[in-house]
Amino acid sequence: MDTAEWSRRKRNDDDNYPVKEFNSNTDDSQYQRDRARVIHSAAFRRLQTKTQVLGLGENDFYRTRLTHSLEVAQIGSAICERLHDKYRTDELIRSWIPSLSLIEAIGLSHDIGHPPFGHGGEVALNYSMIDSGGFEGNGQTLRIVSRLAEYSPNHGMDLTRRTLLGLVKYPAPYSKVINYKQNRIPQTTPPLNLDNWHPPKCYLDDEINLLDWIFKAIPKKDTELFSTIESVENAHHKTIYKSFDTTIMELADDISYGVHDLEDGIALGLITKSMWESDILPKILSYNTNELAKNIDFYNKKLFNGSNKERKHAISKLVGYFISSIHIEKNDMFKTPLLMLKATQDNDGKNILKALKSFVMNRVIKTPEVQVLEYKGQQIILKIFEVLRENPSRLLPKNTLNAYQNAENKNRVLCDYISGMTDSYATKLYHKLFTPDIGSIFDRL
C-alpha cells in the first residue's frame, strides 16, 4: 500500500467503514479535513473542562486536556519537520514522514476518549464495565472518532485510514490482554479501593471491525506480527508494536507531559528548586556528555527564578532538546513502511525524559492533595453509573435513552454517555442527583 492509499475513503460494498479518494502523495487535503473535523467536534471542545493534572482548576494557569492536545499537535509537527531535515536524502523515510496536517490531526484527537476526572475516572468506568467489555481511554478515542462523533451517521468523524492507524496506540482487543490477579467479587456496592482494577492498554472489542478495515490492505503476515501480545504472569498482557505515526505522537505526548506538567508544577508551587536538585538533577548530570547536562546551570537558574518569561525560555529549550534527540529506526521484519519505521530517542534523551516524567508523577500526580480529588472523582463516576443503570428511563436524556433501548450492550451506551462528560458536568449531575438542596426542573447542566 502506498502513501496515497492510506488516505482513501471511498465506500466499497465490502467495507465496513468509508474511505475518501486521494490521488496524490503530496496532496494533503484529506488530512486537512481530518484535522478540521477533530477541531470542530463536540468531543474536542469538551477537553477544555477536562483537567490534565486533576484538581488544579482554581488557578487559570493550569493545563487542560485541550491545551495539552494542542501542545502535543505542535510538538508532533516540530518532530516531523526535524525528521524531514535529518533524513532529507533518504527517500523512503521522507515519503512516509506524516504531513503536518496528519500529525496534528492525530495529536489533537489522541485524548478525546479520556473520561472525566483523569485516570481515576478511567478506572471507575472500567470497573463499572468489567462484565460488559470494559473501558480504556485510548480505546474510547477510537470509538468516538469512528462511531460516535458527528459528520457521519455510522462512522463518526469518518477519518482516513492512516489517521485512525495513528490513534491505535495498543493493537489488541480488551479481551486478549485483560489479566486480573484476582477474580471480581460480586457485591452490591463497589469497593472503596479500585487500585486493582486498572484497565489493560488496548482497543475495545466493539471496534474489531474498525481494525479489520484499517489493516485491510496490509499483508496478513504484517498484521499478525503487529498484533503480537507479550504475556505477563501477574498483570495485564502487553502489545509490542506501534505504527510509525503513533510513535511520533507518543513522543510528542511524553515530551508535553514531562516538560509542560513540570512547568505547571513549578508555576503553581507544587515543585520547588530543592525537589529538582534532589530528585532530578543528579540523574541529568549522570549523562554528562549531552547538551542538557552541559548547560544545566542555565536550567537551574531559569526554571526557578520566579519570572514567567525566564521559565518559559527554559521550558522551550527543554522541548527543543528532546525533539533533537529523536531519530528513526527500521524493523525489517515488517514489509509495510508504516509498521517498519519507528521514531525513537537516543538513550540519553529517553532516560532523562523518563526520569522527568517519573519526577512529575511522584511530586505532583501522586501527592495526597491531587489523589484526594482523583478519588472523589472516581466515586462520582461509580455512583452516577450505578444510578443510571438502575433508572435509565427516568434519568437518561432522550437521545441517549433511545440508543440505550436499541443497544445489545446497554451498559456500553451508559459508558459512552458518562465518559463524554466533562469534570464540571459530572460534578453538577452528581449534586443534582444526590445533594438535597441542589437541583430543580429549571436547572441546565
Protein backbone atom coordinates (compact mmCIF):
# COMPACT_ATOMS: atom_id res chain seq x y z
CA MET A 1 0.00 0.00 0.00
CA ASP A 2 1.48 3.38 -0.99
CA THR A 3 1.08 6.72 0.79
CA ALA A 4 -1.92 7.68 -1.33
CA GLU A 5 -3.87 4.54 -0.48
CA TRP A 6 -3.67 5.30 3.23
CA SER A 7 -5.85 8.39 2.86
CA ARG A 8 -8.60 6.90 0.71
CA ARG A 9 -12.17 7.00 1.98
CA LYS A 10 -14.24 5.69 -0.91
CA ARG A 11 -17.05 3.41 0.27
CA ASN A 12 -16.95 -0.09 -1.15
CA ASP A 13 -19.67 -2.69 -0.76
CA ASP A 14 -17.40 -4.92 1.33
CA ASP A 15 -16.09 -2.09 3.51
CA ASN A 16 -17.43 -1.62 7.00
CA TYR A 17 -16.05 1.92 7.04
CA PRO A 18 -15.94 4.62 4.36
CA VAL A 19 -12.80 5.72 2.53
CA LYS A 20 -12.12 9.10 0.91
CA GLU A 21 -10.49 9.34 -2.51
CA PHE A 22 -6.94 10.66 -2.53
CA ASN A 23 -4.78 10.51 -5.63
CA SER A 24 -1.54 12.36 -4.92
CA ASN A 25 1.22 11.63 -2.45
CA THR A 26 1.70 15.35 -1.95
CA ASP A 27 -1.98 16.35 -1.73
CA ASP A 28 -2.67 16.99 1.95
CA SER A 29 -6.34 17.90 1.61
CA GLN A 30 -7.76 14.74 3.20
CA TYR A 31 -5.61 15.11 6.30
CA GLN A 32 -6.55 18.79 6.48
CA ARG A 33 -10.16 17.63 6.52
CA ASP A 34 -9.38 15.13 9.28
CA ARG A 35 -7.81 17.88 11.37
CA ALA A 36 -10.74 20.24 10.74
CA ARG A 37 -13.29 17.63 11.79
CA VAL A 38 -11.43 16.95 15.01
CA ILE A 39 -11.18 20.65 15.86
CA HIS A 40 -14.85 21.33 15.18
CA SER A 41 -16.16 18.26 17.04
CA ALA A 42 -18.02 18.43 20.33
CA ALA A 43 -15.70 15.80 21.82
CA PHE A 44 -12.69 18.04 21.19
CA ARG A 45 -14.39 21.08 22.75
CA ARG A 46 -15.20 19.09 25.87
CA LEU A 47 -11.48 18.68 26.53
CA GLN A 48 -11.39 22.30 27.70
CA THR A 49 -13.01 21.29 31.00
CA LYS A 50 -11.19 18.00 31.48
CA THR A 51 -8.13 18.75 33.57
CA GLN A 52 -4.68 17.49 32.60
CA VAL A 53 -3.50 17.47 36.22
CA LEU A 54 -6.59 16.87 38.29
CA GLY A 55 -7.53 19.43 40.89
CA LEU A 56 -5.61 22.47 39.69
CA GLY A 57 -8.74 24.20 38.43
CA GLU A 58 -8.68 27.03 40.96
CA ASN A 59 -5.77 28.56 39.05
CA ASP A 60 -6.27 29.77 35.47
CA PHE A 61 -2.68 28.90 34.50
CA TYR A 62 -3.04 25.13 34.61
CA ARG A 63 -3.27 22.97 31.50
CA THR A 64 -6.43 21.17 30.49
CA ARG A 65 -6.75 18.18 28.17
CA LEU A 66 -7.49 20.70 25.42
CA THR A 67 -4.35 22.79 25.82
CA HIS A 68 -2.33 19.60 26.29
CA SER A 69 -3.68 18.24 23.00
CA LEU A 70 -2.82 21.49 21.21
CA GLU A 71 0.73 21.23 22.54
CA VAL A 72 1.05 17.59 21.50
CA ALA A 73 -0.05 18.54 17.98
CA GLN A 74 2.52 21.36 17.82
CA ILE A 75 5.37 19.22 19.18
CA GLY A 76 4.41 16.44 16.75
CA SER A 77 4.69 18.94 13.89
CA ALA A 78 8.11 20.07 15.14
CA ILE A 79 9.29 16.44 15.31
CA CYS A 80 8.19 15.84 11.71
CA GLU A 81 9.96 18.98 10.50
CA ARG A 82 13.09 17.90 12.30
CA LEU A 83 12.91 14.40 10.78
CA HIS A 84 12.42 15.83 7.29
CA ASP A 85 15.62 17.80 7.71
CA LYS A 86 17.52 14.91 9.26
CA TYR A 87 16.53 12.38 6.57
CA ARG A 88 16.41 14.65 3.51
CA THR A 89 18.50 12.18 1.48
CA ASP A 90 16.52 9.06 2.45
CA GLU A 91 13.60 8.93 0.02
CA LEU A 92 11.78 6.02 1.73
CA ILE A 93 11.74 7.69 5.13
CA ARG A 94 10.95 11.15 3.74
CA SER A 95 7.97 9.84 1.79
CA TRP A 96 6.43 8.31 4.91
CA ILE A 97 7.03 11.10 7.43
CA PRO A 98 3.49 12.34 8.16
CA SER A 99 2.42 15.73 6.87
CA LEU A 100 1.82 18.48 9.40
CA SER A 101 -1.95 18.21 8.92
CA LEU A 102 -1.84 14.46 9.54
CA ILE A 103 0.29 14.51 12.67
CA GLU A 104 -1.75 17.44 14.03
CA ALA A 105 -4.99 15.53 13.44
CA ILE A 106 -3.58 12.60 15.40
CA GLY A 107 -2.17 14.78 18.18
CA LEU A 108 -5.32 16.85 18.56
CA SER A 109 -7.54 13.78 18.86
CA HIS A 110 -5.32 11.43 20.88
CA ASP A 111 -7.01 12.23 24.24
CA ILE A 112 -10.61 12.61 23.04
CA GLY A 113 -11.65 9.31 24.64
CA HIS A 114 -10.44 10.10 28.13
CA PRO A 115 -13.29 10.40 30.65
CA PRO A 116 -13.85 13.00 33.38
CA PHE A 117 -11.51 13.01 36.39
CA GLY A 118 -8.45 11.69 34.57
CA HIS A 119 -7.20 8.16 35.03
CA GLY A 120 -9.26 7.81 38.19
CA GLY A 121 -12.39 8.18 36.09
CA GLU A 122 -10.98 5.67 33.61
CA VAL A 123 -10.52 3.05 36.35
CA ALA A 124 -14.02 3.72 37.73
CA LEU A 125 -15.63 3.23 34.33
CA ASN A 126 -13.59 0.09 33.70
CA TYR A 127 -14.78 -1.37 36.98
CA SER A 128 -18.38 -0.46 36.17
CA MET A 129 -17.99 -2.14 32.75
CA ILE A 130 -15.94 -5.13 33.91
CA ASP A 131 -18.64 -7.62 32.84
CA SER A 132 -19.67 -5.65 29.75
CA GLY A 133 -16.48 -5.27 27.71
CA GLY A 134 -14.50 -2.94 30.00
CA PHE A 135 -13.31 0.59 29.35
CA GLU A 136 -9.97 2.10 28.30
CA GLY A 137 -9.42 5.73 27.31
CA ASN A 138 -7.39 5.10 24.15
CA GLY A 139 -9.91 2.54 23.00
CA GLN A 140 -12.69 5.05 23.62
CA THR A 141 -10.84 7.56 21.43
CA LEU A 142 -11.11 5.13 18.50
CA ARG A 143 -14.77 4.53 19.32
CA ILE A 144 -15.57 8.26 19.29
CA VAL A 145 -13.77 9.17 16.08
CA SER A 146 -15.03 6.10 14.18
CA ARG A 147 -18.55 5.69 15.55
CA LEU A 148 -19.97 8.25 17.98
CA ALA A 149 -18.90 11.68 16.74
CA GLU A 150 -20.69 13.96 14.29
CA TYR A 151 -20.27 14.18 10.49
CA SER A 152 -21.34 10.66 9.57
CA PRO A 153 -24.39 8.70 10.81
CA ASN A 154 -22.47 5.46 11.27
CA HIS A 155 -18.77 6.32 11.07
CA GLY A 156 -18.18 9.20 13.46
CA MET A 157 -15.70 11.70 12.05
CA ASP A 158 -15.06 9.45 9.01
CA LEU A 159 -11.29 9.86 9.26
CA THR A 160 -8.74 8.40 6.87
CA ARG A 161 -7.19 5.00 7.44
CA ARG A 162 -3.81 6.48 8.26
CA THR A 163 -5.15 8.94 10.84
CA LEU A 164 -7.05 6.10 12.52
CA LEU A 165 -3.96 3.87 12.47
CA GLY A 166 -2.03 6.65 14.20
CA LEU A 167 -4.58 6.55 17.03
CA VAL A 168 -4.17 2.78 17.57
CA LYS A 169 -1.71 3.00 20.46
CA TYR A 170 -2.23 -0.62 21.54
CA PRO A 171 -3.18 -3.00 18.69
CA ALA A 172 -5.00 -5.67 20.69
CA PRO A 173 -8.61 -6.00 21.92
CA TYR A 174 -9.54 -5.77 25.59
CA SER A 175 -10.48 -9.46 25.78
CA LYS A 176 -6.99 -10.62 24.71
CA VAL A 177 -4.91 -8.55 27.10
CA ILE A 178 -7.06 -8.49 30.23
CA ASN A 179 -5.44 -10.42 33.08
CA TYR A 180 -6.55 -9.52 36.58
CA LYS A 181 -4.69 -11.01 39.52
CA GLN A 182 -7.94 -11.64 41.36
CA ASN A 183 -11.47 -12.58 40.46
CA ARG A 184 -14.14 -9.93 40.80
CA ILE A 185 -16.25 -10.48 43.89
CA PRO A 186 -19.92 -9.79 43.18
CA GLN A 187 -21.19 -7.12 45.53
CA THR A 188 -23.98 -4.59 45.69
CA THR A 189 -21.60 -1.66 46.20
CA PRO A 190 -18.19 -1.07 44.55
CA PRO A 191 -15.06 -1.47 46.69
CA LEU A 192 -13.64 1.60 48.37
CA ASN A 193 -10.28 0.97 46.69
CA LEU A 194 -10.09 0.40 42.93
CA ASP A 195 -6.30 0.09 42.62
CA ASN A 196 -6.61 -3.49 41.38
CA TRP A 197 -8.99 -2.59 38.55
CA HIS A 198 -6.88 -0.50 36.20
CA PRO A 199 -7.74 -1.40 32.58
CA PRO A 200 -5.31 -3.05 30.17
CA LYS A 201 -3.86 -0.94 27.35
CA CYS A 202 -5.94 -1.87 24.32
CA TYR A 203 -8.79 -1.07 21.99
CA LEU A 204 -12.33 -2.16 22.82
CA ASP A 205 -13.70 -5.39 21.38
CA ASP A 206 -16.63 -3.45 19.89
CA GLU A 207 -14.15 -1.83 17.46
CA ILE A 208 -12.68 -5.04 15.99
CA ASN A 209 -14.40 -4.37 12.64
CA LEU A 210 -12.72 -0.96 12.52
CA LEU A 211 -9.29 -2.53 12.98
CA ASP A 212 -10.08 -5.06 10.24
CA TRP A 213 -10.84 -2.14 7.91
CA ILE A 214 -7.71 -0.21 8.82
CA PHE A 215 -5.49 -3.26 8.17
CA LYS A 216 -7.42 -4.46 5.11
CA ALA A 217 -4.65 -3.79 2.57
CA ILE A 218 -1.74 -4.75 4.84
CA PRO A 219 -0.21 -8.20 4.27
CA LYS A 220 -1.57 -10.78 6.69
CA LYS A 221 1.90 -11.60 7.98
CA ASP A 222 2.49 -7.95 8.90
CA THR A 223 -0.90 -7.65 10.58
CA GLU A 224 -0.32 -10.77 12.67
CA LEU A 225 3.15 -9.63 13.73
CA PHE A 226 1.92 -6.13 14.54
CA SER A 227 -0.79 -7.61 16.78
CA THR A 228 1.69 -9.71 18.78
CA ILE A 229 0.98 -9.77 22.52
CA GLU A 230 3.56 -10.25 25.25
CA SER A 231 2.17 -12.42 28.05
CA VAL A 232 2.61 -11.20 31.61
CA GLU A 233 2.02 -13.55 34.53
CA ASN A 234 0.64 -11.25 37.24
CA ALA A 235 -0.54 -8.23 35.25
CA HIS A 236 -2.29 -7.36 32.02
CA HIS A 237 -0.67 -8.63 28.85
CA LYS A 238 1.01 -6.06 26.62
CA THR A 239 1.23 -5.17 22.95
CA ILE A 240 4.70 -4.77 21.43
CA TYR A 241 4.46 -2.70 18.25
CA LYS A 242 3.10 0.68 17.17
CA SER A 243 2.79 2.33 13.77
CA PHE A 244 5.27 5.00 12.64
CA ASP A 245 2.81 7.87 13.14
CA THR A 246 1.86 6.57 16.59
CA THR A 247 5.49 6.56 17.73
CA ILE A 248 5.80 10.23 16.71
CA MET A 249 2.58 11.16 18.50
CA GLU A 250 3.59 9.28 21.65
CA LEU A 251 6.96 11.02 21.77
CA ALA A 252 5.18 14.36 21.45
CA ASP A 253 2.79 13.28 24.21
CA ASP A 254 5.63 12.21 26.50
CA ILE A 255 7.57 15.44 25.91
CA SER A 256 4.46 17.51 26.60
CA TYR A 257 3.64 15.54 29.72
CA GLY A 258 7.15 15.57 31.14
CA VAL A 259 8.07 19.17 30.32
CA HIS A 260 4.83 21.10 30.41
CA ASP A 261 3.47 19.43 33.53
CA LEU A 262 6.83 20.30 35.09
CA GLU A 263 6.15 23.91 34.12
CA ASP A 264 2.68 23.79 35.70
CA GLY A 265 4.08 22.23 38.86
CA ILE A 266 6.76 24.92 39.24
CA ALA A 267 4.38 27.80 38.46
CA LEU A 268 1.82 26.57 40.99
CA GLY A 269 4.39 25.94 43.73
CA LEU A 270 4.00 22.15 43.71
CA ILE A 271 7.61 21.65 42.58
CA THR A 272 10.43 23.54 44.31
CA LYS A 273 14.07 24.02 43.43
CA SER A 274 15.12 21.74 46.29
CA MET A 275 12.94 18.95 44.87
CA TRP A 276 14.52 19.49 41.45
CA GLU A 277 18.02 19.39 42.90
CA SER A 278 17.42 16.26 44.97
CA ASP A 279 15.23 14.21 42.60
CA ILE A 280 16.15 15.02 39.01
CA LEU A 281 19.41 16.98 38.83
CA PRO A 282 21.72 14.04 39.70
CA LYS A 283 20.06 11.92 37.01
CA ILE A 284 20.59 14.59 34.35
CA LEU A 285 24.20 15.13 35.38
CA SER A 286 24.92 11.41 35.12
CA TYR A 287 24.66 11.89 31.33
CA ASN A 288 27.46 14.43 31.40
CA THR A 289 28.26 14.40 27.69
CA ASN A 290 24.90 15.61 26.36
CA GLU A 291 23.87 19.22 25.78
CA LEU A 292 21.30 19.27 28.58
CA ALA A 293 23.85 18.29 31.22
CA LYS A 294 26.46 20.68 29.81
CA ASN A 295 24.03 23.59 30.13
CA ILE A 296 22.40 22.57 33.41
CA ASP A 297 23.24 25.89 35.13
CA PHE A 298 21.03 27.64 32.57
CA TYR A 299 18.04 25.43 33.50
CA ASN A 300 18.68 25.67 37.25
CA LYS A 301 18.62 29.45 37.02
CA LYS A 302 15.81 29.99 34.51
CA LEU A 303 13.31 27.46 35.84
CA PHE A 304 13.26 28.74 39.41
CA ASN A 305 13.97 32.48 39.37
CA GLY A 306 10.28 33.42 39.59
CA SER A 307 9.96 35.01 36.15
CA ASN A 308 7.36 33.53 33.81
CA LYS A 309 9.39 34.66 30.79
CA GLU A 310 12.62 33.11 32.03
CA ARG A 311 10.86 29.88 32.97
CA LYS A 312 9.22 29.67 29.55
CA HIS A 313 12.63 30.19 27.92
CA ALA A 314 13.97 27.16 29.79
CA ILE A 315 10.87 25.07 29.06
CA SER A 316 11.18 25.88 25.34
CA LYS A 317 14.83 24.83 25.36
CA LEU A 318 13.93 21.58 27.13
CA VAL A 319 11.35 20.76 24.48
CA GLY A 320 13.89 21.52 21.78
CA TYR A 321 16.46 19.25 23.40
CA PHE A 322 14.10 16.28 23.50
CA ILE A 323 12.98 16.84 19.90
CA SER A 324 16.62 16.91 18.77
CA SER A 325 17.20 13.52 20.42
CA ILE A 326 14.71 11.76 18.10
CA HIS A 327 15.72 9.53 15.20
CA ILE A 328 14.14 6.79 13.08
CA GLU A 329 14.80 3.07 13.28
CA LYS A 330 13.72 0.33 10.86
CA ASN A 331 12.33 -3.08 11.74
CA ASP A 332 12.89 -5.24 8.66
CA MET A 333 10.52 -7.93 9.95
CA PHE A 334 7.74 -5.72 8.51
CA LYS A 335 7.17 -5.08 4.81
CA THR A 336 4.70 -2.21 5.33
CA PRO A 337 6.63 1.07 5.81
CA LEU A 338 4.13 2.44 8.33
CA LEU A 339 4.85 -0.56 10.53
CA MET A 340 8.53 -0.91 9.64
CA LEU A 341 9.54 2.64 10.66
CA LYS A 342 9.73 3.78 14.28
CA ALA A 343 10.56 7.16 15.80
CA THR A 344 12.58 6.85 18.98
CA GLN A 345 15.02 8.81 21.12
CA ASP A 346 18.71 8.29 21.76
CA ASN A 347 19.46 6.68 25.12
CA ASP A 348 20.31 9.91 26.94
CA GLY A 349 17.16 11.70 25.84
CA LYS A 350 14.97 8.66 26.52
CA ASN A 351 16.31 8.13 30.03
CA ILE A 352 16.20 11.80 31.01
CA LEU A 353 12.63 12.18 29.76
CA LYS A 354 11.63 9.02 31.63
CA ALA A 355 13.17 10.42 34.80
CA LEU A 356 11.40 13.74 34.27
CA LYS A 357 8.01 12.03 33.84
CA SER A 358 8.62 9.99 36.98
CA PHE A 359 9.57 13.16 38.84
CA VAL A 360 6.31 14.88 37.82
CA MET A 361 4.32 11.76 38.72
CA ASN A 362 5.82 11.50 42.21
CA ARG A 363 5.88 15.20 43.04
CA VAL A 364 2.55 16.25 41.52
CA ILE A 365 0.19 13.45 40.46
CA LYS A 366 0.74 11.19 43.49
CA THR A 367 0.53 13.92 46.11
CA PRO A 368 -2.33 13.46 48.58
CA GLU A 369 -3.80 16.82 47.52
CA VAL A 370 -4.28 15.58 43.95
CA GLN A 371 -5.14 11.99 44.90
CA VAL A 372 -7.98 13.09 47.19
CA LEU A 373 -9.61 14.86 44.26
CA GLU A 374 -8.99 11.95 41.90
CA TYR A 375 -10.55 9.56 44.41
CA LYS A 376 -13.57 11.82 44.79
CA GLY A 377 -13.94 11.84 41.00
CA GLN A 378 -13.84 8.05 40.97
CA GLN A 379 -16.67 7.85 43.46
CA ILE A 380 -18.74 10.33 41.45
CA ILE A 381 -18.36 8.20 38.31
CA LEU A 382 -19.20 4.95 40.14
CA LYS A 383 -22.33 6.41 41.68
CA ILE A 384 -23.61 8.04 38.51
CA PHE A 385 -23.14 4.80 36.57
CA GLU A 386 -24.94 2.78 39.23
CA VAL A 387 -27.92 5.13 39.38
CA LEU A 388 -28.29 5.47 35.60
CA ARG A 389 -28.07 1.69 35.17
CA GLU A 390 -30.95 1.19 37.59
CA ASN A 391 -33.04 4.15 36.33
CA PRO A 392 -32.42 4.57 32.59
CA SER A 393 -35.96 5.52 31.61
CA ARG A 394 -36.22 8.16 34.33
CA LEU A 395 -32.82 9.79 34.09
CA LEU A 396 -31.26 9.40 30.63
CA PRO A 397 -31.63 12.19 28.04
CA LYS A 398 -33.98 11.31 25.21
CA ASN A 399 -31.35 10.60 22.53
CA THR A 400 -29.24 8.54 24.92
CA LEU A 401 -32.29 6.61 26.10
CA ASN A 402 -33.21 5.80 22.50
CA ALA A 403 -29.70 4.44 21.86
CA TYR A 404 -29.86 2.53 25.16
CA GLN A 405 -33.16 0.85 24.29
CA ASN A 406 -31.87 -0.27 20.88
CA ALA A 407 -28.45 -1.45 22.03
CA GLU A 408 -27.35 -5.04 22.57
CA ASN A 409 -24.80 -3.94 25.16
CA LYS A 410 -26.82 -1.37 27.09
CA ASN A 411 -24.06 -0.69 29.59
CA ARG A 412 -21.82 0.43 26.71
CA VAL A 413 -24.30 3.22 25.96
CA LEU A 414 -24.18 4.34 29.60
CA CYS A 415 -20.39 4.21 29.46
CA ASP A 416 -20.32 6.32 26.27
CA TYR A 417 -22.61 8.87 27.90
CA ILE A 418 -20.63 9.17 31.14
CA SER A 419 -17.18 9.09 29.52
CA GLY A 420 -18.21 12.02 27.32
CA MET A 421 -18.99 14.20 30.33
CA THR A 422 -16.65 16.97 31.42
CA ASP A 423 -15.44 17.17 35.01
CA SER A 424 -17.85 20.01 35.75
CA TYR A 425 -20.85 18.33 34.08
CA ALA A 426 -20.33 15.10 36.01
CA THR A 427 -19.97 17.03 39.28
CA LYS A 428 -23.13 19.04 38.66
CA LEU A 429 -25.09 15.92 37.72
CA TYR A 430 -23.89 14.17 40.87
CA HIS A 431 -25.01 17.06 43.06
CA LYS A 432 -28.30 17.32 41.24
CA LEU A 433 -28.93 13.64 41.93
CA PHE A 434 -27.66 13.40 45.50
CA THR A 435 -27.45 16.81 47.18
CA PRO A 436 -30.89 17.57 48.67
CA ASP A 437 -30.86 21.36 48.27
CA ILE A 438 -29.45 21.43 44.73
CA GLY A 439 -31.45 20.92 41.56
CA SER A 440 -34.77 21.93 40.09
CA ILE A 441 -36.63 21.46 36.82
CA PHE A 442 -35.21 24.81 35.68
CA ASP A 443 -31.57 23.72 36.09
CA ARG A 444 -29.48 23.21 32.99
CA LEU A 445 -26.33 21.15 33.39
